[in-house]
Amino acid sequence: MHVYQPREDSFFMLEFLEKKLEKCEINTAIDVGSGSGILAEVLSSMTKHVVASDISRDAIRLLKEKRKKGSLPSNVSIVLGNFVDFIKEADIVVFNPPYLWRENGEKFDVTIHQNTPNGEDVLKKFAESLARLRRFCAAYLLISSYSVDEGLRATLNAHGMKWKLMERRRLFFEELKILEIKRDKNSESNKK
């Protein structure tokens, strides 16, 4: 099975969520691109309901196997789906996306590449899907110094959302950042 296994980025997001959400009352959380399910597992102890979604059939198979073995709690729903397009609202959305830019001719790997074979940018598509949610309190997105985030910023602004840097961690080969994304109450697009 080809599923992204937890690495430094996953553990950084995990530590952040444990600190940030420990005293929060959360009904629904969405773990976008759940992969191995490490974030969904931790979120399940902090929320009433978690949706673990992924576009990879291998990841979904792995999550279902974990459910059968009892390591994925029953309050976690498993969904084969893209971003948050299958749900209307959530309290928290988390996404540790693929963030390496695929070079011309390089074979596409859904677990690590930010840009798809048809030229779509995963971060921009994520921002567009957040804009379609009727309600969300906050989204937490991990990006890397390797991420290309111009499309993300422009898309968030266009849809009346803002982001702020919550935490950063320097590794010897990259810098990881966790952004908090919220709707901007002062944005013209949110006053309609």
C-alpha atoms as a PDB file:
ATOM      1  CA  MET A   1       0.000   0.000   0.000  1.00  0.00           C
ATOM      2  CA  HIS A   2       1.257   3.452  -0.936  1.00  0.00           C
ATOM      3  CA  VAL A   3       0.316   5.752   1.979  1.00  0.00           C
ATOM      4  CA  TYR A   4       2.267   8.686   3.412  1.00  0.00           C
ATOM      5  CA  GLN A   5       3.788   7.554   6.688  1.00  0.00           C
ATOM      6  CA  PRO A   6       4.085  10.041   9.574  1.00  0.00           C
ATOM      7  CA  ARG A   7       7.293  12.064   9.555  1.00  0.00           C
ATOM      8  CA  GLU A   8       8.522  15.307  11.136  1.00  0.00           C
ATOM      9  CA  ASP A   9       5.702  17.322   9.569  1.00  0.00           C
ATOM     10  CA  SER A  10       3.010  14.965  10.895  1.00  0.00           C
ATOM     11  CA  PHE A  11       4.461  15.005  14.408  1.00  0.00           C
ATOM     12  CA  PHE A  12       4.773  18.805  14.375  1.00  0.00           C
ATOM     13  CA  MET A  13       1.080  19.153  13.433  1.00  0.00           C
ATOM     14  CA  LEU A  14       0.151  16.540  16.034  1.00  0.00           C
ATOM     15  CA  GLU A  15       1.973  18.394  18.844  1.00  0.00           C
ATOM     16  CA  PHE A  16       0.409  21.691  17.764  1.00  0.00           C
ATOM     17  CA  LEU A  17      -3.134  20.276  17.727  1.00  0.00           C
ATOM     18  CA  GLU A  18      -2.710  18.661  21.140  1.00  0.00           C
ATOM     19  CA  LYS A  19      -1.678  22.036  22.637  1.00  0.00           C
ATOM     20  CA  LYS A  20      -4.106  24.219  20.682  1.00  0.00           C
ATOM     21  CA  LEU A  21      -7.227  22.106  21.081  1.00  0.00           C
ATOM     22  CA  GLU A  22      -6.795  20.559  24.528  1.00  0.00           C
ATOM     23  CA  LYS A  23      -9.345  22.871  26.207  1.00  0.00           C
ATOM     24  CA  CYS A  24     -11.635  23.439  23.216  1.00  0.00           C
ATOM     25  CA  GLU A  25     -15.122  22.016  22.856  1.00  0.00           C
ATOM     26  CA  ILE A  26     -15.255  20.630  19.339  1.00  0.00           C
ATOM     27  CA  ASN A  27     -18.132  18.756  17.782  1.00  0.00           C
ATOM     28  CA  THR A  28     -16.785  18.003  14.307  1.00  0.00           C
ATOM     29  CA  ALA A  29     -13.265  17.959  12.910  1.00  0.00           C
ATOM     30  CA  ILE A  30     -12.145  17.067   9.405  1.00  0.00           C
ATOM     31  CA  ASP A  31      -8.730  15.552   8.750  1.00  0.00           C
ATOM     32  CA  VAL A  32      -8.154  16.275   5.060  1.00  0.00           C
ATOM     33  CA  GLY A  33      -5.684  13.930   3.381  1.00  0.00           C
ATOM     34  CA  SER A  34      -5.731  11.671   6.410  1.00  0.00           C
ATOM     35  CA  GLY A  35      -3.179   9.208   5.034  1.00  0.00           C
ATOM     36  CA  SER A  36      -2.148   6.922   7.898  1.00  0.00           C
ATOM     37  CA  GLY A  37      -4.798   8.476  10.155  1.00  0.00           C
ATOM     38  CA  ILE A  38      -2.407   9.722  12.836  1.00  0.00           C
ATOM     39  CA  LEU A  39      -4.121  13.131  13.100  1.00  0.00           C
ATOM     40  CA  ALA A  40      -7.627  11.612  13.004  1.00  0.00           C
ATOM     41  CA  GLU A  41      -6.690   9.283  15.867  1.00  0.00           C
ATOM     42  CA  VAL A  42      -5.582  12.176  18.084  1.00  0.00           C
ATOM     43  CA  LEU A  43      -8.506  14.396  17.061  1.00  0.00           C
ATOM     44  CA  SER A  44     -10.911  11.586  17.985  1.00  0.00           C
ATOM     45  CA  SER A  45     -10.020  12.018  21.662  1.00  0.00           C
ATOM     46  CA  MET A  46     -10.681  15.783  21.493  1.00  0.00           C
ATOM     47  CA  THR A  47     -13.879  15.891  19.441  1.00  0.00           C
ATOM     48  CA  LYS A  48     -17.259  14.223  19.240  1.00  0.00           C
ATOM     49  CA  HIS A  49     -16.865  13.322  15.566  1.00  0.00           C
ATOM     50  CA  VAL A  50     -13.943  13.231  13.128  1.00  0.00           C
ATOM     51  CA  VAL A  51     -14.131  12.805   9.380  1.00  0.00           C
ATOM     52  CA  ALA A  52     -10.937  11.248   7.995  1.00  0.00           C
ATOM     53  CA  SER A  53     -10.891  11.917   4.265  1.00  0.00           C
ATOM     54  CA  ASP A  54      -8.422  11.063   1.551  1.00  0.00           C
ATOM     55  CA  ILE A  55      -8.413  10.757  -2.234  1.00  0.00           C
ATOM     56  CA  SER A  56      -6.136   7.730  -2.041  1.00  0.00           C
ATOM     57  CA  ARG A  57      -7.894   4.368  -2.074  1.00  0.00           C
ATOM     58  CA  ASP A  58      -4.801   2.893  -0.381  1.00  0.00           C
ATOM     59  CA  ALA A  59      -5.175   5.359   2.507  1.00  0.00           C
ATOM     60  CA  ILE A  60      -8.878   4.548   2.848  1.00  0.00           C
ATOM     61  CA  ARG A  61      -8.084   0.811   2.855  1.00  0.00           C
ATOM     62  CA  LEU A  62      -5.469   1.368   5.585  1.00  0.00           C
ATOM     63  CA  LEU A  63      -7.897   3.424   7.706  1.00  0.00           C
ATOM     64  CA  LYS A  64     -10.557   0.703   7.389  1.00  0.00           C
ATOM     65  CA  GLU A  65      -8.006  -1.934   8.436  1.00  0.00           C
ATOM     66  CA  LYS A  66      -7.124   0.179  11.485  1.00  0.00           C
ATOM     67  CA  ARG A  67     -10.837   0.394  12.325  1.00  0.00           C
ATOM     68  CA  LYS A  68     -11.187  -3.405  12.164  1.00  0.00           C
ATOM     69  CA  LYS A  69      -8.158  -3.821  14.462  1.00  0.00           C
ATOM     70  CA  GLY A  70      -9.590  -1.286  16.910  1.00  0.00           C
ATOM     71  CA  SER A  71      -6.862   1.353  16.595  1.00  0.00           C
ATOM     72  CA  LEU A  72      -9.175   3.861  14.881  1.00  0.00           C
ATOM     73  CA  PRO A  73     -12.031   4.850  17.225  1.00  0.00           C
ATOM     74  CA  SER A  74     -15.687   4.537  16.263  1.00  0.00           C
ATOM     75  CA  ASN A  75     -16.225   8.333  16.293  1.00  0.00           C
ATOM     76  CA  VAL A  76     -14.055   8.591  13.154  1.00  0.00           C
ATOM     77  CA  SER A  77     -15.888   8.397   9.825  1.00  0.00           C
ATOM     78  CA  ILE A  78     -13.795   7.344   6.839  1.00  0.00           C
ATOM     79  CA  VAL A  79     -14.546   9.085   3.535  1.00  0.00           C
ATOM     80  CA  LEU A  80     -13.013   8.670   0.103  1.00  0.00           C
ATOM     81  CA  GLY A  81     -13.222  12.276  -0.992  1.00  0.00           C
ATOM     82  CA  ASN A  82     -11.461  15.408  -2.101  1.00  0.00           C
ATOM     83  CA  PHE A  83     -10.828  18.127   0.488  1.00  0.00           C
ATOM     84  CA  VAL A  84     -14.049  19.069   2.318  1.00  0.00           C
ATOM     85  CA  ASP A  85     -16.433  18.836  -0.637  1.00  0.00           C
ATOM     86  CA  PHE A  86     -18.571  16.157   1.034  1.00  0.00           C
ATOM     87  CA  ILE A  87     -19.579  18.119   4.159  1.00  0.00           C
ATOM     88  CA  LYS A  88     -21.288  21.471   4.780  1.00  0.00           C
ATOM     89  CA  GLU A  89     -19.776  22.573   8.094  1.00  0.00           C
ATOM     90  CA  ALA A  90     -17.186  21.716  10.713  1.00  0.00           C
ATOM     91  CA  ASP A  91     -15.609  23.256  13.759  1.00  0.00           C
ATOM     92  CA  ILE A  92     -12.022  22.421  12.834  1.00  0.00           C
ATOM     93  CA  VAL A  93     -10.376  21.424   9.559  1.00  0.00           C
ATOM     94  CA  VAL A  94      -6.783  20.152   9.547  1.00  0.00           C
ATOM     95  CA  PHE A  95      -4.608  19.508   6.527  1.00  0.00           C
ATOM     96  CA  ASN A  96      -1.010  18.346   6.335  1.00  0.00           C
ATOM     97  CA  PRO A  97      -0.821  18.508   2.541  1.00  0.00           C
ATOM     98  CA  PRO A  98       1.683  17.191   0.070  1.00  0.00           C
ATOM     99  CA  TYR A  99       4.037  20.119  -0.452  1.00  0.00           C
ATOM    100  CA  LEU A 100       6.848  19.189  -2.803  1.00  0.00           C
ATOM    101  CA  TRP A 101       6.625  20.818  -6.227  1.00  0.00           C
ATOM    102  CA  ARG A 102       6.705  18.213  -9.004  1.00  0.00           C
ATOM    103  CA  GLU A 103       9.292  18.976 -11.669  1.00  0.00           C
ATOM    104  CA  ASN A 104       8.532  18.495 -15.378  1.00  0.00           C
ATOM    105  CA  GLY A 105       8.796  14.845 -16.271  1.00  0.00           C
ATOM    106  CA  GLU A 106       8.836  13.689 -12.647  1.00  0.00           C
ATOM    107  CA  LYS A 107       6.301  10.940 -11.901  1.00  0.00           C
ATOM    108  CA  PHE A 108       3.354  12.285  -9.891  1.00  0.00           C
ATOM    109  CA  ASP A 109       2.985  10.977  -6.329  1.00  0.00           C
ATOM    110  CA  VAL A 110      -0.250  12.021  -4.597  1.00  0.00           C
ATOM    111  CA  THR A 111       1.361  11.605  -1.170  1.00  0.00           C
ATOM    112  CA  ILE A 112       4.105  14.211  -1.685  1.00  0.00           C
ATOM    113  CA  HIS A 113       3.418  16.479  -4.692  1.00  0.00           C
ATOM    114  CA  GLN A 114       1.600  19.807  -4.340  1.00  0.00           C
ATOM    115  CA  ASN A 115       0.978  20.286  -8.065  1.00  0.00           C
ATOM    116  CA  THR A 116      -1.105  17.682  -9.861  1.00  0.00           C
ATOM    117  CA  PRO A 117      -0.416  16.325 -13.372  1.00  0.00           C
ATOM    118  CA  ASN A 118      -3.159  18.594 -14.811  1.00  0.00           C
ATOM    119  CA  GLY A 119      -1.515  21.671 -13.260  1.00  0.00           C
ATOM    120  CA  GLU A 120      -3.808  22.186 -10.267  1.00  0.00           C
ATOM    121  CA  ASP A 121      -2.299  23.456  -7.034  1.00  0.00           C
ATOM    122  CA  VAL A 122      -3.399  21.419  -3.995  1.00  0.00           C
ATOM    123  CA  LEU A 123      -3.165  24.399  -1.590  1.00  0.00           C
ATOM    124  CA  LYS A 124      -5.294  26.607  -3.845  1.00  0.00           C
ATOM    125  CA  LYS A 125      -7.889  23.840  -4.278  1.00  0.00           C
ATOM    126  CA  PHE A 126      -7.996  23.376  -0.495  1.00  0.00           C
ATOM    127  CA  ALA A 127      -8.672  27.105   0.002  1.00  0.00           C
ATOM    128  CA  GLU A 128     -11.460  26.966  -2.594  1.00  0.00           C
ATOM    129  CA  SER A 129     -13.063  24.006  -0.820  1.00  0.00           C
ATOM    130  CA  LEU A 130     -12.918  25.838   2.540  1.00  0.00           C
ATOM    131  CA  ALA A 131     -14.763  28.750   0.950  1.00  0.00           C
ATOM    132  CA  ARG A 132     -17.620  26.378   0.045  1.00  0.00           C
ATOM    133  CA  LEU A 133     -18.151  25.359   3.663  1.00  0.00           C
ATOM    134  CA  ARG A 134     -21.223  27.005   5.151  1.00  0.00           C
ATOM    135  CA  ARG A 135     -19.387  27.254   8.482  1.00  0.00           C
ATOM    136  CA  PHE A 136     -16.011  26.458   9.979  1.00  0.00           C
ATOM    137  CA  CYS A 137     -14.356  27.975  13.028  1.00  0.00           C
ATOM    138  CA  ALA A 138     -10.745  27.464  11.993  1.00  0.00           C
ATOM    139  CA  ALA A 139      -8.582  25.478   9.625  1.00  0.00           C
ATOM    140  CA  TYR A 140      -5.012  24.505  10.427  1.00  0.00           C
ATOM    141  CA  LEU A 141      -2.728  24.039   7.471  1.00  0.00           C
ATOM    142  CA  LEU A 142       0.879  22.903   7.525  1.00  0.00           C
ATOM    143  CA  ILE A 143       3.142  24.329   4.851  1.00  0.00           C
ATOM    144  CA  SER A 144       6.854  23.958   4.209  1.00  0.00           C
ATOM    145  CA  SER A 145       9.558  26.247   2.939  1.00  0.00           C
ATOM    146  CA  TYR A 146       9.245  24.001  -0.136  1.00  0.00           C
ATOM    147  CA  SER A 147       5.552  24.898  -0.578  1.00  0.00           C
ATOM    148  CA  VAL A 148       4.510  27.316  -3.285  1.00  0.00           C
ATOM    149  CA  ASP A 149       1.834  29.393  -1.569  1.00  0.00           C
ATOM    150  CA  GLU A 150       1.041  32.330  -3.895  1.00  0.00           C
ATOM    151  CA  GLY A 151      -2.154  30.643  -5.131  1.00  0.00           C
ATOM    152  CA  LEU A 152      -3.186  29.944  -1.551  1.00  0.00           C
ATOM    153  CA  ARG A 153      -2.876  33.570  -0.427  1.00  0.00           C
ATOM    154  CA  ALA A 154      -4.720  34.952  -3.441  1.00  0.00           C
ATOM    155  CA  THR A 155      -7.515  32.391  -3.120  1.00  0.00           C
ATOM    156  CA  LEU A 156      -7.978  33.020   0.608  1.00  0.00           C
ATOM    157  CA  ASN A 157      -8.158  36.776   0.014  1.00  0.00           C
ATOM    158  CA  ALA A 158     -10.595  36.376  -2.872  1.00  0.00           C
ATOM    159  CA  HIS A 159     -12.926  34.337  -0.655  1.00  0.00           C
ATOM    160  CA  GLY A 160     -12.776  36.611   2.379  1.00  0.00           C
ATOM    161  CA  MET A 161     -10.451  34.502   4.489  1.00  0.00           C
ATOM    162  CA  LYS A 162      -7.286  35.416   6.326  1.00  0.00           C
ATOM    163  CA  TRP A 163      -4.465  33.413   7.816  1.00  0.00           C
ATOM    164  CA  LYS A 164      -1.947  33.905  10.543  1.00  0.00           C
ATOM    165  CA  LEU A 165       1.209  32.053  11.378  1.00  0.00           C
ATOM    166  CA  MET A 166       0.649  30.020  14.531  1.00  0.00           C
ATOM    167  CA  GLU A 167       3.880  28.114  14.889  1.00  0.00           C
ATOM    168  CA  ARG A 168       7.068  27.333  12.997  1.00  0.00           C
ATOM    169  CA  ARG A 169       9.744  24.694  13.299  1.00  0.00           C
ATOM    170  CA  ARG A 170      13.117  24.740  11.602  1.00  0.00           C
ATOM    171  CA  LEU A 171      14.525  21.411  10.515  1.00  0.00           C
ATOM    172  CA  PHE A 172      17.964  21.063   9.020  1.00  0.00           C
ATOM    173  CA  PHE A 173      16.523  20.782   5.495  1.00  0.00           C
ATOM    174  CA  GLU A 174      13.342  22.919   5.639  1.00  0.00           C
ATOM    175  CA  GLU A 175      11.140  25.132   7.760  1.00  0.00           C
ATOM    176  CA  LEU A 176       7.624  23.974   8.646  1.00  0.00           C
ATOM    177  CA  LYS A 177       4.827  26.442   9.422  1.00  0.00           C
ATOM    178  CA  ILE A 178       1.318  25.963  10.734  1.00  0.00           C
ATOM    179  CA  LEU A 179      -1.212  28.517   9.559  1.00  0.00           C
ATOM    180  CA  GLU A 180      -4.600  29.211  11.118  1.00  0.00           C
ATOM    181  CA  ILE A 181      -7.205  30.132   8.514  1.00  0.00           C
ATOM    182  CA  LYS A 182     -10.439  31.905   9.436  1.00  0.00           C
ATOM    183  CA  ARG A 183     -13.096  33.892   7.681  1.00  0.00           C
ATOM    184  CA  ASP A 184     -12.282  37.587   7.765  1.00  0.00           C
ATOM    185  CA  LYS A 185     -15.304  39.335   9.295  1.00  0.00           C
ATOM    186  CA  ASN A 186     -14.131  42.639   7.786  1.00  0.00           C
ATOM    187  CA  SER A 187     -13.894  41.293   4.245  1.00  0.00           C
ATOM    188  CA  GLU A 188     -16.374  42.656   1.714  1.00  0.00           C
ATOM    189  CA  SER A 189     -17.141  39.122   0.496  1.00  0.00           C
ATOM    190  CA  ASN A 190     -18.341  38.164   4.002  1.00  0.00           C
ATOM    191  CA  LYS A 191     -20.592  41.220   4.483  1.00  0.00           C
ATOM    192  CA  LYS A 192     -23.043  40.179   1.774  1.00  0.00           C
END
